[in-house]
């Protein structure tokens, strides 16, 4: 059985569909054919039984029964006395099993225990039907009933039964012919169903073949521009549309990956080139013995340190941006206190801009997020405000009902540059001289949007820039129970 199942599973899909269709039709045809055969058999046997009921001799007297028993014979006569062909088997059965064949009988039917029971019972309302054979083995339909006398004074002849039988040759022939016809029609139907199933499978699976060919083409050539025509709105059409959407997403992802690599290479080239130049100056000074003036050497070392810091920050931002999972974080989502996260980020921002004044008004708000990723995004948002704030300037941080605003009093962002502020590696021409990788706000946007929020930058009234973050709330977590309480 397992071998058959493995063989079936190893067949192509269209072959399996064709085979299943043929098997289903075969079962249906077999069920209908068998039912039809039994119904016809029942009707034919009812007709034979009706003929047997009509063949019961009438007007037989007790004396005739006595004569038949007195001259009992098991050999039928060759003529019925009327010159008509003999059709029925007619005989009398005694309760002890003695059989006496009537003169108009075709032949002898062996008595059974059922026949003897009918003779002994003497119930005229009981008709006992059975199948049997004559002395030559010919199939018969046999009816036995209690023997009664004819005429007005009907009486039961004790311990006698009258048996009438008719050959089943024509009936069996009809049933055999019907079985042959049903078998032939069923076989043709099964073969036709298999052929139709194969045609339907080929026609119905043609889109699947096209999809398979396309997938193999993409796997072989990595050509993600291939699209499958979508026709209709059935499951195959939905599958084709999903595949087209998947390839489009993969193509977009690959383009973004290439752009990220190109942008990262460009951004990395600048600090690496500067570091290489400075290191070559220091190396040449050592090789030639020409000492660099202390002030110049100090400036070179400071430049190297700044470039290394910038390079480390750029690599960290790239790692953060390239992480998989929600919001660039790998940890599970938790209910996080946004106001506490903002408060921690403000303390870190004060370290980066100690000369700045940072005011805050934070109302409690909880969100579902990955804590480290959310804090990194808020820190990046505040770092951006610190970077563009004037010396001894003021930062205003406000949180109310999940709406976080960070307002600085810097030079602001030109209106034509606002659409690009969240693009990776994008930096305003006026901010090229400032430290940074151009990835901070991109990380902020990716993080906030992954949690179902929004972020935008705009011009603030009176100058400066205001950043607005809106995050959906989460149920307030239950208070922590101190240990030992």
Protein backbone atom coordinates (compact mmCIF):
# COMPACT_ATOMS: atom_id res chain seq x y z
CA UNK A 1 0.00 0.00 0.00
CA UNK A 2 2.78 2.39 0.90
CA UNK A 3 4.48 1.61 -2.41
CA UNK A 4 1.27 2.49 -4.26
CA UNK A 5 0.96 5.77 -2.35
CA UNK A 6 4.58 6.68 -3.09
CA UNK A 7 4.09 5.82 -6.74
CA UNK A 8 0.93 7.95 -6.88
CA UNK A 9 2.66 10.89 -5.23
CA UNK A 10 5.51 10.56 -7.71
CA UNK A 11 3.21 11.08 -10.69
CA UNK A 12 2.87 14.51 -12.31
CA UNK A 13 -0.02 16.61 -11.04
CA UNK A 14 -2.01 16.33 -14.28
CA UNK A 15 -1.62 12.54 -14.22
CA UNK A 16 -2.86 12.42 -10.65
CA UNK A 17 -5.85 14.60 -11.51
CA UNK A 18 -6.68 12.42 -14.53
CA UNK A 19 -6.34 9.25 -12.47
CA UNK A 20 -8.46 10.62 -9.63
CA UNK A 21 -11.11 11.73 -12.13
CA UNK A 22 -11.17 8.30 -13.76
CA UNK A 23 -11.37 6.55 -10.38
CA UNK A 24 -14.18 8.83 -9.21
CA UNK A 25 -16.14 8.26 -12.42
CA UNK A 26 -15.47 4.52 -12.18
CA UNK A 27 -16.92 4.43 -8.66
CA UNK A 28 -19.93 6.50 -9.75
CA UNK A 29 -20.53 4.36 -12.85
CA UNK A 30 -20.11 1.18 -10.83
CA UNK A 31 -22.58 2.37 -8.19
CA UNK A 32 -25.14 3.41 -10.81
CA UNK A 33 -24.66 0.22 -12.82
CA UNK A 34 -24.99 -2.08 -9.82
CA UNK A 35 -28.06 -0.20 -8.63
CA UNK A 36 -29.60 -0.35 -12.09
CA UNK A 37 -28.86 -4.08 -12.37
CA UNK A 38 -30.48 -4.87 -9.03
CA UNK A 39 -33.54 -2.77 -9.86
CA UNK A 40 -34.00 -4.56 -13.19
CA UNK A 41 -33.42 -7.92 -11.50
CA UNK A 42 -36.08 -7.07 -8.93
CA UNK A 43 -38.56 -6.06 -11.64
CA UNK A 44 -37.90 -9.19 -13.71
CA UNK A 45 -38.26 -11.47 -10.69
CA UNK A 46 -41.49 -9.70 -9.73
CA UNK A 47 -42.79 -10.38 -13.25
CA UNK A 48 -41.81 -14.06 -12.99
CA UNK A 49 -43.44 -14.30 -9.56
CA UNK A 50 -46.64 -12.78 -10.97
CA UNK A 51 -46.57 -15.40 -13.74
CA UNK A 52 -46.16 -18.12 -11.13
CA UNK A 53 -49.13 -16.84 -9.14
CA UNK A 54 -51.26 -16.97 -12.27
CA UNK A 55 -50.11 -20.48 -13.10
CA UNK A 56 -51.62 -22.12 -9.99
CA UNK A 57 -54.05 -24.80 -11.23
CA UNK A 58 -57.66 -24.13 -10.32
CA UNK A 59 -60.58 -26.49 -9.78
CA UNK A 60 -58.45 -29.37 -8.48
CA UNK A 61 -60.48 -31.71 -6.32
CA UNK A 62 -59.45 -33.79 -3.38
CA UNK A 63 -59.91 -36.88 -5.52
CA UNK A 64 -57.47 -35.60 -8.10
CA UNK A 65 -54.91 -34.99 -5.38
CA UNK A 66 -55.57 -38.52 -4.12
CA UNK A 67 -55.15 -39.98 -7.61
CA UNK A 68 -51.92 -38.03 -8.09
CA UNK A 69 -50.58 -39.41 -4.84
CA UNK A 70 -51.81 -42.90 -5.65
CA UNK A 71 -50.12 -42.83 -9.06
CA UNK A 72 -47.13 -40.81 -7.81
CA UNK A 73 -44.35 -40.50 -10.32
CA UNK A 74 -41.19 -38.46 -10.57
CA UNK A 75 -41.12 -38.66 -14.34
CA UNK A 76 -43.04 -35.91 -16.13
CA UNK A 77 -45.24 -36.65 -19.14
CA UNK A 78 -44.11 -35.65 -22.58
CA UNK A 79 -47.39 -33.86 -23.33
CA UNK A 80 -49.76 -31.80 -21.27
CA UNK A 81 -52.82 -33.32 -22.84
CA UNK A 82 -53.80 -30.17 -24.76
CA UNK A 83 -51.18 -30.14 -27.48
CA UNK A 84 -49.56 -26.94 -26.04
CA UNK A 85 -45.87 -26.65 -25.18
CA UNK A 86 -45.09 -27.43 -21.63
CA UNK A 87 -43.89 -24.27 -19.76
CA UNK A 88 -44.35 -24.76 -16.02
CA UNK A 89 -43.06 -27.30 -13.58
CA UNK A 90 -46.00 -28.56 -11.53
CA UNK A 91 -45.78 -31.07 -8.69
CA UNK A 92 -47.14 -31.98 -5.29
CA UNK A 93 -44.87 -32.22 -2.27
CA UNK A 94 -45.76 -34.21 0.81
CA UNK A 95 -44.64 -33.11 4.25
CA UNK A 96 -42.36 -36.15 4.37
CA UNK A 97 -40.56 -34.94 1.22
CA UNK A 98 -42.33 -37.18 -1.33
CA UNK A 99 -42.60 -35.46 -4.73
CA UNK A 100 -45.30 -36.37 -7.28
CA UNK A 101 -45.00 -34.73 -10.69
CA UNK A 102 -48.21 -33.63 -12.46
CA UNK A 103 -48.96 -34.72 -16.01
CA UNK A 104 -48.59 -31.18 -17.36
CA UNK A 105 -45.20 -30.56 -15.72
CA UNK A 106 -42.06 -29.80 -17.69
CA UNK A 107 -39.86 -31.62 -15.30
CA UNK A 108 -38.96 -32.47 -11.72
CA UNK A 109 -37.95 -29.92 -9.07
CA UNK A 110 -36.20 -31.28 -6.00
CA UNK A 111 -38.09 -30.46 -2.82
CA UNK A 112 -36.41 -28.51 -0.05
CA UNK A 113 -37.01 -28.17 3.66
CA UNK A 114 -38.90 -24.96 2.92
CA UNK A 115 -41.29 -26.81 0.62
CA UNK A 116 -41.90 -29.51 3.24
CA UNK A 117 -42.51 -26.82 5.88
CA UNK A 118 -45.17 -25.19 3.69
CA UNK A 119 -46.90 -28.59 3.25
CA UNK A 120 -46.88 -29.24 6.96
CA UNK A 121 -47.98 -25.71 7.84
CA UNK A 122 -51.05 -25.66 5.56
CA UNK A 123 -51.25 -21.86 5.37
CA UNK A 124 -52.93 -20.90 2.08
CA UNK A 125 -51.97 -17.22 2.45
CA UNK A 126 -48.27 -18.03 2.55
CA UNK A 127 -46.42 -18.18 -0.78
CA UNK A 128 -42.86 -19.45 -0.62
CA UNK A 129 -40.59 -18.21 -3.45
CA UNK A 130 -37.10 -19.44 -4.05
CA UNK A 131 -34.56 -20.12 -6.76
CA UNK A 132 -33.77 -23.70 -7.59
CA UNK A 133 -32.71 -26.12 -10.29
CA UNK A 134 -34.42 -29.02 -12.02
CA UNK A 135 -33.03 -32.53 -12.40
CA UNK A 136 -30.93 -31.32 -15.35
CA UNK A 137 -29.44 -28.39 -13.44
CA UNK A 138 -31.51 -25.75 -15.28
CA UNK A 139 -32.10 -22.61 -13.11
CA UNK A 140 -35.70 -22.16 -11.98
CA UNK A 141 -37.88 -19.74 -10.07
CA UNK A 142 -39.99 -21.86 -7.68
CA UNK A 143 -43.20 -20.98 -5.82
CA UNK A 144 -44.70 -23.30 -3.19
CA UNK A 145 -48.06 -22.94 -1.43
CA UNK A 146 -50.37 -25.15 0.57
CA UNK A 147 -52.50 -27.49 -1.58
CA UNK A 148 -56.21 -26.59 -1.64
CA UNK A 149 -59.24 -28.03 -3.44
CA UNK A 150 -61.09 -26.00 -6.05
CA UNK A 151 -64.70 -24.97 -6.25
CA UNK A 152 -66.90 -23.23 -3.70
CA UNK A 153 -65.92 -25.60 -0.93
CA UNK A 154 -62.27 -24.78 -0.81
CA UNK A 155 -60.37 -26.89 1.66
CA UNK A 156 -56.77 -27.41 2.57
CA UNK A 157 -55.37 -30.80 1.68
CA UNK A 158 -53.46 -31.74 4.80
CA UNK A 159 -49.68 -32.22 4.63
CA UNK A 160 -49.58 -31.39 0.92
CA UNK A 161 -48.03 -28.44 -0.94
CA UNK A 162 -48.28 -27.47 -4.57
CA UNK A 163 -45.04 -26.40 -6.24
CA UNK A 164 -45.00 -24.43 -9.50
CA UNK A 165 -41.75 -23.39 -11.18
CA UNK A 166 -40.68 -21.65 -14.38
CA UNK A 167 -37.27 -21.60 -16.06
CA UNK A 168 -35.07 -18.53 -15.47
CA UNK A 169 -33.17 -18.97 -18.72
CA UNK A 170 -34.62 -15.89 -20.42
CA UNK A 171 -34.44 -13.84 -17.23
CA UNK A 172 -30.81 -14.74 -16.59
CA UNK A 173 -30.01 -14.06 -20.24
CA UNK A 174 -31.59 -10.63 -19.99
CA UNK A 175 -29.68 -9.87 -16.78
CA UNK A 176 -26.41 -11.10 -18.30
CA UNK A 177 -26.95 -8.95 -21.38
CA UNK A 178 -27.75 -5.98 -19.16
CA UNK A 179 -24.59 -6.57 -17.14
CA UNK A 180 -22.55 -6.72 -20.35
CA UNK A 181 -24.13 -3.49 -21.63
CA UNK A 182 -23.56 -1.72 -18.32
CA UNK A 183 -19.97 -2.96 -18.16
CA UNK A 184 -19.30 -1.79 -21.71
CA UNK A 185 -20.90 1.60 -21.17
CA UNK A 186 -19.13 1.96 -17.82
CA UNK A 187 -15.76 1.09 -19.36
CA UNK A 188 -16.30 3.61 -22.13
CA UNK A 189 -17.36 6.17 -19.55
CA UNK A 190 -14.28 5.56 -17.41
CA UNK A 191 -11.95 5.81 -20.41
CA UNK A 192 -13.76 8.93 -21.59
CA UNK A 193 -13.60 10.41 -18.10
CA UNK A 194 -9.87 9.73 -17.94
CA UNK A 195 -9.36 11.42 -21.30
CA UNK A 196 -11.57 14.33 -20.29
CA UNK A 197 -9.77 14.59 -16.97
CA UNK A 198 -6.42 14.68 -18.74
CA UNK A 199 -7.68 17.40 -21.08
CA UNK A 200 -9.15 19.40 -18.20
CA UNK A 201 -5.95 18.97 -16.19
CA UNK A 202 -3.82 20.15 -19.09
CA UNK A 203 -6.10 23.10 -19.77
CA UNK A 204 -6.57 24.04 -16.12
CA UNK A 205 -2.91 23.62 -15.22
CA UNK A 206 -1.58 25.54 -18.19
CA UNK A 207 -1.28 28.72 -16.04
CA UNK A 208 0.57 26.65 -13.45
CA UNK A 209 2.94 25.44 -16.18
CA UNK A 210 3.50 29.04 -17.21
CA UNK A 211 4.14 29.97 -13.61
CA UNK A 212 6.57 27.06 -13.25
CA UNK A 213 8.40 28.06 -16.41
CA UNK A 214 8.61 31.64 -15.19
CA UNK A 215 9.93 30.60 -11.77
CA UNK A 216 12.54 28.37 -13.41
CA UNK A 217 13.49 31.22 -15.73
CA UNK A 218 13.89 33.58 -12.77
CA UNK A 219 15.94 30.99 -10.86
CA UNK A 220 18.13 30.41 -13.90
CA UNK A 221 18.62 34.01 -15.07
CA UNK A 222 17.76 36.05 -11.93
CA UNK A 223 15.62 38.21 -14.21
CA UNK A 224 13.02 39.72 -11.88
CA UNK A 225 11.36 41.80 -14.60
CA UNK A 226 9.37 38.82 -15.92
CA UNK A 227 5.62 39.02 -15.31
CA UNK A 228 2.84 36.46 -15.75
CA UNK A 229 -0.38 37.61 -17.48
CA UNK A 230 -3.26 37.64 -14.99
CA UNK A 231 -6.60 36.52 -16.43
CA UNK A 232 -9.78 36.31 -14.37
CA UNK A 233 -10.03 36.27 -10.60
CA UNK A 234 -9.75 32.58 -9.72
CA UNK A 235 -7.10 30.91 -7.58
CA UNK A 236 -4.64 30.64 -10.47
CA UNK A 237 -5.07 34.33 -11.25
CA UNK A 238 -4.50 35.19 -7.59
CA UNK A 239 -1.41 32.99 -7.56
CA UNK A 240 -0.09 34.72 -10.69
CA UNK A 241 -0.80 38.15 -9.20
CA UNK A 242 0.94 37.15 -5.97
CA UNK A 243 3.95 35.92 -7.94
CA UNK A 244 4.10 39.17 -9.91
CA UNK A 245 3.87 41.12 -6.67
CA UNK A 246 6.62 38.97 -5.14
CA UNK A 247 8.99 39.44 -8.09
CA UNK A 248 8.27 43.17 -8.09
CA UNK A 249 9.09 43.33 -4.38
CA UNK A 250 12.25 41.30 -4.90
CA UNK A 251 13.30 43.53 -7.78
CA UNK A 252 12.66 46.62 -5.67
CA UNK A 253 14.55 45.09 -2.76
CA UNK A 254 17.48 44.22 -4.99
CA UNK A 255 17.53 47.74 -6.42
CA UNK A 256 17.45 49.16 -2.91
CA UNK A 257 20.24 46.80 -1.90
CA UNK A 258 22.37 47.87 -4.82
CA UNK A 259 21.63 51.50 -4.06
CA UNK A 260 22.49 50.95 -0.41
CA UNK A 261 25.79 49.31 -1.35
CA UNK A 262 26.60 52.10 -3.79
CA UNK A 263 25.66 54.83 -1.31
CA UNK A 264 27.49 53.09 1.53
CA UNK A 265 30.59 52.72 -0.66
CA UNK A 266 30.42 56.40 -1.54
CA UNK A 267 29.98 57.45 2.07
CA UNK A 268 32.73 55.15 3.29
CA UNK A 269 35.14 56.33 0.62
CA UNK A 270 35.29 59.89 1.98
CA UNK A 271 36.50 59.15 5.54
CA UNK A 272 38.72 56.31 4.34
CA UNK A 273 40.37 58.55 1.75
CA UNK A 274 40.93 61.26 4.32
CA UNK A 275 42.31 58.75 6.82
CA UNK A 276 44.60 57.27 4.19
CA UNK A 277 45.95 60.73 3.31
CA UNK A 278 46.65 61.59 6.93
CA UNK A 279 48.26 58.21 7.60
CA UNK A 280 50.46 58.57 4.51
CA UNK A 281 51.61 61.99 5.75
CA UNK A 282 52.51 60.55 9.13
CA UNK A 283 54.25 57.53 7.54
CA UNK A 284 56.25 59.72 5.11
CA UNK A 285 57.31 61.91 7.98
CA UNK A 286 58.68 58.88 9.83
CA UNK A 287 60.36 57.47 6.71
CA UNK A 288 62.03 60.71 5.64
CA UNK A 289 62.91 61.88 9.11
CA UNK A 290 61.19 65.19 8.51
CA UNK A 291 59.24 65.88 11.63
CA UNK A 292 55.80 67.39 11.31
CA UNK A 293 55.32 70.49 13.43
CA UNK A 294 53.64 69.61 16.72
CA UNK A 295 50.56 71.67 15.99
CA UNK A 296 50.15 70.09 12.55
CA UNK A 297 50.71 66.63 13.97
CA UNK A 298 48.16 67.28 16.66
CA UNK A 299 45.69 68.44 14.01
CA UNK A 300 46.36 65.30 11.95
CA UNK A 301 45.76 63.05 14.94
CA UNK A 302 42.56 64.93 15.81
CA UNK A 303 41.42 64.56 12.21
CA UNK A 304 42.18 60.84 12.27
CA UNK A 305 40.24 60.46 15.51
CA UNK A 306 37.25 62.35 14.11
CA UNK A 307 37.30 60.33 10.91
CA UNK A 308 37.48 57.06 12.84
CA UNK A 309 34.56 58.21 14.97
CA UNK A 310 32.61 59.14 11.85
CA UNK A 311 33.49 55.82 10.23
CA UNK A 312 32.43 53.88 13.33
CA UNK A 313 29.13 55.80 13.47
CA UNK A 314 28.53 55.16 9.78
CA UNK A 315 29.18 51.43 10.17
CA UNK A 316 26.87 51.30 13.19
CA UNK A 317 24.12 53.06 11.26
CA UNK A 318 24.56 50.67 8.34
CA UNK A 319 24.31 47.69 10.67
CA UNK A 320 21.20 49.13 12.26
CA UNK A 321 19.61 49.81 8.89
CA UNK A 322 20.42 46.36 7.49
CA UNK A 323 18.99 44.33 10.36
CA UNK A 324 16.01 42.13 9.67
CA UNK A 325 12.82 42.08 11.66
CA UNK A 326 10.48 44.76 12.84
CA UNK A 327 11.96 48.21 13.18
CA UNK A 328 15.39 46.95 12.44
CA UNK A 329 15.47 45.14 15.77
CA UNK A 330 15.78 41.43 16.40
CA UNK A 331 14.14 41.36 19.82
CA UNK A 332 10.48 40.62 20.62
CA UNK A 333 7.90 43.38 20.80
CA UNK A 334 6.95 44.54 24.26
CA UNK A 335 4.75 47.17 25.83
CA UNK A 336 7.19 50.04 26.28
CA UNK A 337 6.82 53.24 28.28
CA UNK A 338 7.33 55.87 25.57
CA UNK A 339 7.64 58.73 28.08
CA UNK A 340 10.43 56.92 29.94
CA UNK A 341 12.19 56.16 26.67
CA UNK A 342 12.02 59.82 25.64
CA UNK A 343 13.25 60.90 29.05
CA UNK A 344 16.29 58.59 28.73
CA UNK A 345 16.97 59.89 25.21
CA UNK A 346 16.83 63.47 26.50
CA UNK A 347 19.51 62.70 29.09
CA UNK A 348 21.75 61.33 26.34
CA UNK A 349 21.06 64.39 24.20
CA UNK A 350 22.15 66.66 27.05
CA UNK A 351 25.53 64.90 27.02
CA UNK A 352 25.92 65.67 23.31
CA UNK A 353 24.84 69.29 23.68
CA UNK A 354 25.69 70.39 27.21
CA UNK A 355 25.35 74.06 26.28
CA UNK A 356 21.76 73.55 25.08
CA UNK A 357 18.63 74.00 27.14
CA UNK A 358 16.21 71.10 26.75
CA UNK A 359 12.71 71.47 28.11
CA UNK A 360 10.24 68.60 28.18
CA UNK A 361 6.63 67.92 28.96
CA UNK A 362 5.94 64.20 28.84
CA UNK A 363 2.53 62.66 29.43
CA UNK A 364 2.40 58.89 30.06
CA UNK A 365 2.00 56.81 26.90
CA UNK A 366 2.67 53.16 26.18
CA UNK A 367 3.45 51.59 22.82
CA UNK A 368 4.22 48.10 21.55
CA UNK A 369 7.81 48.11 20.27
CA UNK A 370 11.28 46.65 20.62
CA UNK A 371 12.81 48.75 23.41
CA UNK A 372 16.35 49.13 22.04
CA UNK A 373 15.21 50.00 18.52
CA UNK A 374 12.66 52.53 19.77
CA UNK A 375 15.24 54.23 21.98
CA UNK A 376 17.73 54.36 19.09
CA UNK A 377 15.14 56.09 16.91
CA UNK A 378 14.28 58.70 19.58
CA UNK A 379 17.99 59.32 20.21
CA UNK A 380 18.58 59.83 16.48
CA UNK A 381 15.69 62.31 16.34
CA UNK A 382 17.09 64.31 19.28
CA UNK A 383 20.66 64.09 17.90
CA UNK A 384 19.45 65.64 14.67
CA UNK A 385 17.86 68.51 16.62
CA UNK A 386 21.03 68.96 18.73
CA UNK A 387 23.22 69.02 15.62
CA UNK A 388 21.29 71.88 13.98
CA UNK A 389 20.58 73.89 17.13
CA UNK A 390 22.55 77.13 17.58
CA UNK A 391 24.96 77.40 20.53
CA UNK A 392 23.11 77.90 23.81
CA UNK A 393 19.87 77.26 21.95
CA UNK A 394 16.73 75.59 23.22
CA UNK A 395 15.10 72.27 22.42
CA UNK A 396 11.45 71.75 23.24
CA UNK A 397 10.21 68.16 23.65
CA UNK A 398 6.51 67.50 24.08
CA UNK A 399 4.62 64.18 24.39
CA UNK A 400 0.85 64.02 24.62
CA UNK A 401 -1.43 61.09 23.64
CA UNK A 402 1.27 59.39 21.59
CA UNK A 403 2.20 62.57 19.70
CA UNK A 404 5.89 63.41 20.24
CA UNK A 405 7.22 66.73 18.97
CA UNK A 406 10.85 67.89 19.02
CA UNK A 407 11.33 71.55 18.14
CA UNK A 408 14.69 73.22 17.62
CA UNK A 409 15.58 76.84 16.83
CA UNK A 410 18.13 76.15 14.14
CA UNK A 411 18.25 77.37 10.55
CA UNK A 412 15.39 75.10 9.49
CA UNK A 413 15.05 72.95 6.38
CA UNK A 414 14.22 74.49 2.98
CA UNK A 415 10.79 73.45 1.69
CA UNK A 416 12.27 71.86 -1.45
CA UNK A 417 14.44 69.56 0.67
CA UNK A 418 11.71 68.25 3.01
CA UNK A 419 10.69 65.33 0.68
CA UNK A 420 14.23 63.90 0.90
CA UNK A 421 15.04 64.19 4.60
CA UNK A 422 14.16 60.53 5.32
CA UNK A 423 16.07 59.09 2.35
CA UNK A 424 19.14 57.04 3.15
CA UNK A 425 22.45 58.92 2.92
CA UNK A 426 20.69 62.12 1.96
CA UNK A 427 22.26 65.22 3.47
CA UNK A 428 21.39 68.82 2.87
CA UNK A 429 24.06 70.73 0.90
CA UNK A 430 24.20 73.20 3.78
CA UNK A 431 24.96 70.37 6.24
CA UNK A 432 27.76 68.62 4.37
CA UNK A 433 30.37 70.03 6.73
CA UNK A 434 28.58 68.72 9.83
CA UNK A 435 29.29 65.21 11.15
CA UNK A 436 26.83 62.50 10.28
CA UNK A 437 26.13 59.70 7.84
CA UNK A 438 22.73 60.70 6.49
CA UNK A 439 21.17 57.56 7.98
CA UNK A 440 19.80 58.80 11.29
CA UNK A 441 16.44 60.08 10.08
CA UNK A 442 16.09 57.08 7.75
CA UNK A 443 16.38 54.79 10.76
CA UNK A 444 13.81 56.93 12.61
CA UNK A 445 11.32 56.66 9.75
CA UNK A 446 11.81 52.92 9.36
CA UNK A 447 11.39 52.28 13.07
CA UNK A 448 8.31 54.45 13.57
CA UNK A 449 6.53 53.17 10.44
CA UNK A 450 7.20 49.54 11.39
CA UNK A 451 5.24 50.12 14.61
CA UNK A 452 2.30 51.61 12.73
CA UNK A 453 3.25 55.22 13.39
CA UNK A 454 4.11 58.26 11.30
CA UNK A 455 6.94 60.77 11.33
CA UNK A 456 7.33 64.09 9.58
CA UNK A 457 9.54 67.18 9.63
CA UNK A 458 8.33 70.67 8.99
CA UNK A 459 9.12 74.30 9.53
CA UNK A 460 8.32 75.65 12.98
CA UNK A 461 6.69 78.99 13.62
CA UNK A 462 9.31 81.58 14.36
CA UNK A 463 12.09 79.58 12.73
CA UNK A 464 13.67 76.23 13.26
CA UNK A 465 12.34 72.75 12.61
CA UNK A 466 9.72 70.65 14.35
CA UNK A 467 9.77 66.85 14.11
CA UNK A 468 6.47 65.09 14.84
CA UNK A 469 6.15 61.39 15.66
CA UNK A 470 2.75 59.74 16.19
CA UNK A 471 2.68 56.20 17.63
CA UNK A 472 -0.41 54.07 18.38
CA UNK A 473 -0.96 53.26 22.00
CA UNK A 474 -0.88 49.89 23.74
CA UNK A 475 -2.66 48.66 26.90
CA UNK A 476 -1.03 49.90 30.07
CA UNK A 477 1.01 47.06 31.60
CA UNK A 478 0.09 45.92 35.10
CA UNK A 479 2.25 47.29 37.89
CA UNK A 480 5.22 45.16 38.87
CA UNK A 481 4.90 43.41 42.19
CA UNK A 482 8.07 43.74 44.32
CA UNK A 483 9.76 40.50 45.23
CA UNK A 484 8.69 39.18 48.60
CA UNK A 485 5.49 41.25 48.61
